[in-house]
Amino acid sequence: MTLPARKPDWLRVRLPAGPQQDQFHGLKARLRSRGLHTVCEEARCPNIFECWGQGTATVMILGETCTRGCRFCSVQTGKPGGSVDPNEPENTAISLAEMGLAYVVLTMVDRDDLADGGAAHVAKTVHRIRHHSPELRVETLVGDFQGEHDALRVVVQEGSPDVFAHNVEVVPRLQRSIRDVRCSWERSVDALVTAKQLGASIVKTSLMVGLGEERDEVLDAMNLLREADVDVITIGQYLRPTKRHAAVQRYVEPAEFEDYEKRGLEMGFRFVASGPLVRSSYRAAEVFLEGALASESPRKAAPAMNRYGKKRKLDVLG
C-alpha cells in the first residue's frame, strides 16, 4: 500500500497556549528536577501538551529497559539483570506529591527477569503514592506477568489502584507479527478477566489501528473485550516511531474512529475514547470520572455476557 508523502492534516497537533502552556512547562521542569521517566516523552505521545496541561502524566517505573521487543514500541529492550531500585516507590511518590497532579498513570516495562514480574514493586509504589497524595487518582498500566495470576492479585488487591489497565495492543490476527512472541491475545484477555474477578472496579485496555487490520476485525475485537467485561477502551492511530519499527499500513480517517466510539458505547463499554491521536492514557482522568459515575448509576445498556469469566477458576490460564 502506498502511503501519502506526509501525515494527513488530522494528525497535526496544536501547541497549547495560555494557562495550559504554563502548566505544561511547569510540570516538565518538575519532572526533570526529579529524574522521573515518562512514557509521554519516551513514546513521543502526540497528546503530551494536552495531558500535561491538565495535570495528568504517565510515569514509567522498574527501569527503562524492557525484556520484550514489540515492533511498535520505542522503549529500549535488553536484559536488566534482575536489578530494581528499592528506593523508587518512595522517590516516585514524593516527586508526584510535589507536582500537584490530579491523575497519574503508573506504567512499567516488562520485567520477565523478575520472579513476580515486578508486581510487588508496582503495588508498593501505589501504596507510597497513597501515603503522600491521598487524593491523587492512580491507574496502573501493567504487563501480563507471563500469565501469573498471583502477580495480578498483588497489583489489584494489594496495590488497589483506581483503574487497572493492560493493553491488548492489536487485533487477534496481528498479535504474532506486531507484539513480542511472549505476548498473545489470549494471555492479555486472561489478565483483564482475572483483574475484574479479583475485584478491580474499572478495567481498561487499548487498541492501535492502521497496522493492516480490517474494520470488522476491530469490531470483533471490541466485542470480545466487552464480553470479557472490560469497562474502558481507547482506540488510536499507530504512528511508526522509527524506520526499524512496523510500517503504518493506512491512516484511519476520523469518521471511522467516530464509528468505533459509537459502536463501543452501544456494546456497553462505560467509556470509549477513539480518535487518530488517542493513546492508552489519553483523557485518563476523564475516563476515571465517567467510569466511577457509571458504577454508581449504570448505563441502561445491559452488559454483555462474560463468556470468559463466569465459570472460570482463577488458576486456569485461557
Protein backbone atom coordinates (compact mmCIF):
# COMPACT_ATOMS: atom_id res chain seq x y z
CA MET A 1 0.00 0.00 0.00
CA THR A 2 1.37 3.42 -0.96
CA LEU A 3 1.06 5.95 1.82
CA PRO A 4 0.82 9.73 1.32
CA ALA A 5 4.12 11.58 1.40
CA ARG A 6 3.14 13.20 4.67
CA LYS A 7 0.74 12.56 7.50
CA PRO A 8 -2.82 13.79 6.97
CA ASP A 9 -3.93 17.07 8.49
CA TRP A 10 -5.96 15.38 11.20
CA LEU A 11 -2.73 14.06 12.76
CA ARG A 12 -1.30 17.53 13.29
CA VAL A 13 -1.04 18.68 16.91
CA ARG A 14 -1.66 22.25 18.01
CA LEU A 15 0.67 23.65 20.63
CA PRO A 16 -1.02 24.83 23.84
CA ALA A 17 -1.38 28.46 24.78
CA GLY A 18 -2.06 30.45 27.94
CA PRO A 19 -2.51 28.66 31.29
CA GLN A 20 -2.28 25.21 29.69
CA GLN A 21 1.13 26.07 28.25
CA ASP A 22 2.29 27.34 31.64
CA GLN A 23 1.08 24.13 33.31
CA PHE A 24 2.91 22.05 30.70
CA HIS A 25 6.24 23.82 31.14
CA GLY A 26 5.90 23.81 34.93
CA LEU A 27 5.26 20.07 35.02
CA LYS A 28 8.12 19.41 32.61
CA ALA A 29 10.53 21.31 34.87
CA ARG A 30 9.41 19.37 37.95
CA LEU A 31 9.77 16.04 36.14
CA ARG A 32 13.28 16.98 35.05
CA SER A 33 14.31 18.03 38.54
CA ARG A 34 13.15 14.69 39.98
CA GLY A 35 14.52 12.47 37.23
CA LEU A 36 11.19 10.72 36.59
CA HIS A 37 10.77 8.81 33.33
CA THR A 38 7.53 9.47 31.47
CA VAL A 39 6.13 7.39 28.64
CA CYS A 40 4.64 10.65 27.39
CA GLU A 41 8.11 11.72 26.27
CA GLU A 42 9.75 8.38 25.52
CA ALA A 43 6.86 7.20 23.33
CA ARG A 44 6.64 10.63 21.66
CA CYS A 45 2.96 10.87 22.55
CA PRO A 46 1.12 13.49 20.46
CA ASN A 47 -1.14 14.37 23.41
CA ILE A 48 1.65 15.35 25.78
CA PHE A 49 0.75 19.05 25.70
CA GLU A 50 -2.93 18.44 26.37
CA CYS A 51 -2.46 15.88 29.15
CA TRP A 52 0.36 17.66 30.94
CA GLY A 53 -1.55 20.90 30.60
CA GLN A 54 -4.42 19.25 32.50
CA GLY A 55 -2.20 17.85 35.25
CA THR A 56 -2.12 14.23 34.04
CA ALA A 57 1.05 12.27 33.31
CA THR A 58 2.19 8.69 32.68
CA VAL A 59 5.21 7.69 34.77
CA MET A 60 7.27 4.59 33.99
CA ILE A 61 8.79 2.53 36.79
CA LEU A 62 11.03 -0.56 37.04
CA GLY A 63 13.69 0.98 34.84
CA GLU A 64 13.98 1.96 31.20
CA THR A 65 14.85 -1.44 29.71
CA CYS A 66 12.09 -3.84 28.68
CA THR A 67 12.72 -7.58 28.47
CA ARG A 68 10.43 -7.80 25.45
CA GLY A 69 10.67 -6.28 21.99
CA CYS A 70 7.42 -5.37 20.27
CA ARG A 71 7.53 -3.99 16.72
CA PHE A 72 5.50 -0.88 17.58
CA CYS A 73 7.30 0.25 20.74
CA SER A 74 10.18 2.73 21.07
CA VAL A 75 11.19 1.71 24.62
CA GLN A 76 14.63 0.08 24.60
CA THR A 77 14.81 -3.68 25.00
CA GLY A 78 17.50 -5.71 26.72
CA LYS A 79 18.43 -7.64 29.85
CA PRO A 80 18.03 -5.63 33.08
CA GLY A 81 19.66 -8.47 35.00
CA GLY A 82 17.15 -8.57 37.84
CA SER A 83 18.07 -5.13 39.18
CA VAL A 84 15.39 -2.97 40.80
CA ASP A 85 15.80 0.37 42.59
CA PRO A 86 14.39 -0.26 46.10
CA ASN A 87 14.01 3.48 46.66
CA GLU A 88 11.94 4.07 43.53
CA PRO A 89 8.47 3.65 45.13
CA GLU A 90 9.19 6.27 47.81
CA ASN A 91 11.04 8.65 45.50
CA THR A 92 8.29 8.42 42.89
CA ALA A 93 5.60 9.11 45.47
CA ILE A 94 7.44 12.13 46.90
CA SER A 95 8.02 13.54 43.43
CA LEU A 96 4.39 13.13 42.42
CA ALA A 97 3.24 14.78 45.65
CA GLU A 98 5.29 17.85 44.77
CA MET A 99 3.91 18.07 41.25
CA GLY A 100 0.29 18.74 42.04
CA LEU A 101 -1.07 16.19 39.58
CA ALA A 102 -4.74 15.23 39.55
CA TYR A 103 -4.21 11.81 37.98
CA VAL A 104 -1.19 9.61 37.35
CA VAL A 105 -0.85 6.59 35.12
CA LEU A 106 1.78 4.30 36.61
CA THR A 107 3.16 2.08 33.88
CA MET A 108 6.07 -0.33 33.65
CA VAL A 109 8.41 -2.07 31.29
CA ASP A 110 8.00 -5.84 31.10
CA ARG A 111 10.34 -7.45 33.62
CA ASP A 112 10.39 -11.15 32.80
CA ASP A 113 13.72 -11.32 34.64
CA LEU A 114 11.94 -10.87 38.00
CA ALA A 115 10.19 -13.74 39.78
CA ASP A 116 6.94 -11.78 40.15
CA GLY A 117 7.40 -9.64 37.04
CA GLY A 118 7.64 -6.54 39.23
CA ALA A 119 4.14 -6.85 40.71
CA ALA A 120 5.19 -6.22 44.32
CA HIS A 121 7.18 -3.16 43.22
CA VAL A 122 4.11 -1.76 41.45
CA ALA A 123 1.89 -2.37 44.49
CA LYS A 124 4.43 -0.77 46.82
CA THR A 125 4.66 2.29 44.58
CA VAL A 126 0.87 2.70 44.63
CA HIS A 127 0.93 2.42 48.45
CA ARG A 128 3.58 5.13 48.78
CA ILE A 129 1.66 7.38 46.40
CA ARG A 130 -1.47 6.92 48.52
CA HIS A 131 0.53 7.80 51.63
CA HIS A 132 1.89 11.06 50.24
CA SER A 133 -1.05 12.03 47.99
CA PRO A 134 -4.33 10.57 49.28
CA GLU A 135 -6.40 12.48 46.71
CA LEU A 136 -4.30 11.54 43.69
CA ARG A 137 -6.04 9.04 41.42
CA VAL A 138 -3.80 6.17 40.31
CA GLU A 139 -4.11 3.99 37.23
CA THR A 140 -1.75 1.02 36.84
CA LEU A 141 -0.94 0.12 33.23
CA VAL A 142 0.89 -3.19 33.56
CA GLY A 143 2.15 -6.15 31.56
CA ASP A 144 0.74 -9.66 31.51
CA PHE A 145 3.16 -11.02 34.16
CA GLN A 146 3.60 -14.11 31.99
CA GLY A 147 0.10 -15.22 32.90
CA GLU A 148 0.82 -15.46 36.64
CA HIS A 149 -2.45 -14.78 38.43
CA ASP A 150 -0.79 -14.26 41.80
CA ALA A 151 1.16 -11.33 40.36
CA LEU A 152 -2.11 -9.84 39.12
CA ARG A 153 -3.60 -10.40 42.58
CA VAL A 154 -0.75 -8.43 44.16
CA VAL A 155 -1.35 -5.47 41.83
CA VAL A 156 -5.15 -5.48 42.08
CA GLN A 157 -5.70 -6.39 45.73
CA GLU A 158 -2.55 -5.22 47.49
CA GLY A 159 -1.95 -2.20 45.26
CA SER A 160 -5.65 -1.39 44.86
CA PRO A 161 -5.37 1.13 42.01
CA ASP A 162 -8.37 3.21 40.95
CA VAL A 163 -8.07 1.79 37.43
CA PHE A 164 -6.41 -1.44 36.27
CA ALA A 165 -5.17 -1.28 32.68
CA HIS A 166 -3.47 -3.77 30.38
CA ASN A 167 -3.28 -3.27 26.63
CA VAL A 168 -4.12 -5.92 24.04
CA GLU A 169 -2.49 -3.51 21.52
CA VAL A 170 -3.75 -5.02 18.22
CA VAL A 171 -6.50 -7.29 16.89
CA PRO A 172 -6.02 -11.06 17.38
CA ARG A 173 -4.73 -11.77 13.85
CA LEU A 174 -1.83 -9.30 14.18
CA GLN A 175 -0.60 -10.36 17.62
CA ARG A 176 2.25 -12.59 16.40
CA SER A 177 3.50 -10.15 13.76
CA ILE A 178 3.39 -6.99 15.90
CA ARG A 179 3.89 -7.99 19.55
CA ASP A 180 6.73 -9.88 21.18
CA VAL A 181 6.42 -13.66 20.83
CA ARG A 182 5.82 -13.93 24.59
CA CYS A 183 2.65 -11.87 24.26
CA SER A 184 -0.70 -13.15 22.99
CA TRP A 185 -4.32 -12.11 22.70
CA GLU A 186 -5.40 -14.98 24.95
CA ARG A 187 -2.95 -14.12 27.71
CA SER A 188 -3.83 -10.42 27.60
CA VAL A 189 -7.57 -11.09 27.77
CA ASP A 190 -6.91 -13.52 30.61
CA ALA A 191 -5.15 -10.73 32.52
CA LEU A 192 -8.13 -8.41 32.03
CA VAL A 193 -10.66 -11.05 33.06
CA THR A 194 -8.62 -12.05 36.10
CA ALA A 195 -8.23 -8.44 37.24
CA LYS A 196 -12.00 -7.99 37.17
CA GLN A 197 -12.55 -11.26 39.06
CA LEU A 198 -10.03 -10.14 41.65
CA GLY A 199 -12.07 -7.00 42.34
CA ALA A 200 -10.78 -4.28 40.01
CA SER A 201 -13.64 -1.80 39.71
CA ILE A 202 -12.55 -0.30 36.39
CA VAL A 203 -10.69 -2.44 33.84
CA LYS A 204 -9.25 -0.76 30.77
CA THR A 205 -7.46 -1.70 27.55
CA SER A 206 -6.28 -0.16 24.29
CA LEU A 207 -6.12 -0.97 20.57
CA MET A 208 -3.95 0.52 17.84
CA VAL A 209 -5.22 0.64 14.26
CA GLY A 210 -3.53 1.30 10.94
CA LEU A 211 -1.36 -1.82 11.07
CA GLY A 212 -3.24 -3.85 8.47
CA GLU A 213 -6.38 -4.85 10.34
CA GLU A 214 -9.82 -4.79 8.74
CA ARG A 215 -12.68 -2.74 10.17
CA ASP A 216 -14.66 -5.88 11.02
CA GLU A 217 -11.66 -7.25 12.90
CA VAL A 218 -11.64 -4.15 15.11
CA LEU A 219 -15.35 -4.52 15.86
CA ASP A 220 -14.93 -8.23 16.56
CA ALA A 221 -12.05 -7.47 18.93
CA MET A 222 -14.16 -4.85 20.71
CA ASN A 223 -16.97 -7.38 21.12
CA LEU A 224 -14.58 -9.93 22.58
CA LEU A 225 -13.22 -7.36 25.02
CA ARG A 226 -16.69 -6.32 26.10
CA GLU A 227 -17.60 -9.98 26.62
CA ALA A 228 -14.52 -10.17 28.85
CA ASP A 229 -16.15 -7.43 30.99
CA VAL A 230 -13.68 -4.70 30.05
CA ASP A 231 -15.09 -1.31 31.07
CA VAL A 232 -12.99 1.19 29.14
CA ILE A 233 -11.34 1.03 25.72
CA THR A 234 -9.18 3.51 23.84
CA ILE A 235 -8.53 3.23 20.10
CA GLY A 236 -5.92 5.27 18.24
CA GLN A 237 -3.82 5.52 15.10
CA TYR A 238 -0.49 3.69 15.13
CA LEU A 239 2.39 6.01 14.27
CA ARG A 240 5.76 4.50 13.42
CA PRO A 241 8.45 5.59 15.93
CA THR A 242 11.41 4.84 13.63
CA LYS A 243 12.12 3.01 10.37
CA ARG A 244 13.13 -0.03 12.43
CA HIS A 245 9.55 -0.45 13.61
CA ALA A 246 6.46 -1.85 11.88
CA ALA A 247 5.29 0.31 8.99
CA VAL A 248 1.96 2.14 9.00
CA GLN A 249 -0.38 0.38 6.57
CA ARG A 250 -3.01 3.11 6.43
CA TYR A 251 -4.14 6.30 8.10
CA VAL A 252 -7.59 5.64 9.52
CA GLU A 253 -9.98 8.52 8.86
CA PRO A 254 -11.69 10.37 11.73
CA ALA A 255 -15.15 9.15 10.65
CA GLU A 256 -14.08 5.54 11.20
CA PHE A 257 -12.84 6.38 14.69
CA GLU A 258 -16.16 8.07 15.44
CA ASP A 259 -17.97 4.92 14.36
CA TYR A 260 -15.82 2.80 16.68
CA GLU A 261 -16.72 5.10 19.57
CA LYS A 262 -20.42 4.93 18.75
CA ARG A 263 -20.37 1.16 18.36
CA GLY A 264 -18.35 0.72 21.53
CA LEU A 265 -20.88 2.60 23.62
CA GLU A 266 -23.65 0.53 22.06
CA MET A 267 -21.76 -2.61 23.10
CA GLY A 268 -21.88 -1.45 26.70
CA PHE A 269 -18.42 -0.03 27.39
CA ARG A 270 -18.57 2.58 30.15
CA PHE A 271 -16.22 4.87 28.27
CA VAL A 272 -14.72 4.85 24.77
CA ALA A 273 -12.01 7.24 23.57
CA SER A 274 -11.48 6.72 19.84
CA GLY A 275 -9.60 9.09 17.55
CA PRO A 276 -6.47 9.47 15.42
CA LEU A 277 -4.38 10.90 18.27
CA VAL A 278 -5.87 8.86 21.11
CA ARG A 279 -3.40 6.83 23.17
CA SER A 280 -3.96 4.38 26.03
CA SER A 281 -3.63 7.07 28.71
CA TYR A 282 -5.47 9.79 26.79
CA ARG A 283 -8.01 11.72 28.90
CA ALA A 284 -7.30 9.27 31.72
CA ALA A 285 -8.79 11.45 34.46
CA GLU A 286 -11.97 11.89 32.43
CA VAL A 287 -12.15 8.14 31.90
CA PHE A 288 -11.95 7.59 35.65
CA LEU A 289 -14.68 10.12 36.40
CA GLU A 290 -17.05 8.67 33.82
CA GLY A 291 -16.29 5.14 34.97
CA ALA A 292 -16.90 5.99 38.60
CA LEU A 293 -20.17 7.69 37.78
CA ALA A 294 -21.22 4.72 35.66
CA SER A 295 -20.55 2.43 38.62
CA GLU A 296 -22.94 4.43 40.76
CA SER A 297 -25.54 4.84 38.04
CA PRO A 298 -25.09 2.14 35.38
CA ARG A 299 -25.98 2.76 31.75
CA LYS A 300 -29.30 1.40 30.58
CA ALA A 301 -27.50 -0.88 28.14
CA ALA A 302 -27.12 -4.30 29.70
CA PRO A 303 -23.53 -5.54 29.98
CA ALA A 304 -22.54 -8.22 27.50
CA MET A 305 -22.39 -11.82 28.69
CA ASN A 306 -18.98 -12.52 30.16
CA ARG A 307 -18.25 -15.79 28.43
CA TYR A 308 -14.65 -15.70 29.66
CA GLY A 309 -15.14 -15.17 33.34
CA LYS A 310 -18.34 -16.52 34.84
CA LYS A 311 -17.35 -20.15 35.27
CA ARG A 312 -13.59 -19.88 35.21
CA LYS A 313 -11.22 -20.54 38.06
CA LEU A 314 -8.51 -18.00 38.72
CA ASP A 315 -5.76 -20.60 38.46
CA VAL A 316 -6.62 -21.55 34.88
CA LEU A 317 -4.88 -19.76 32.02
CA GLY A 318 -7.07 -19.16 28.98
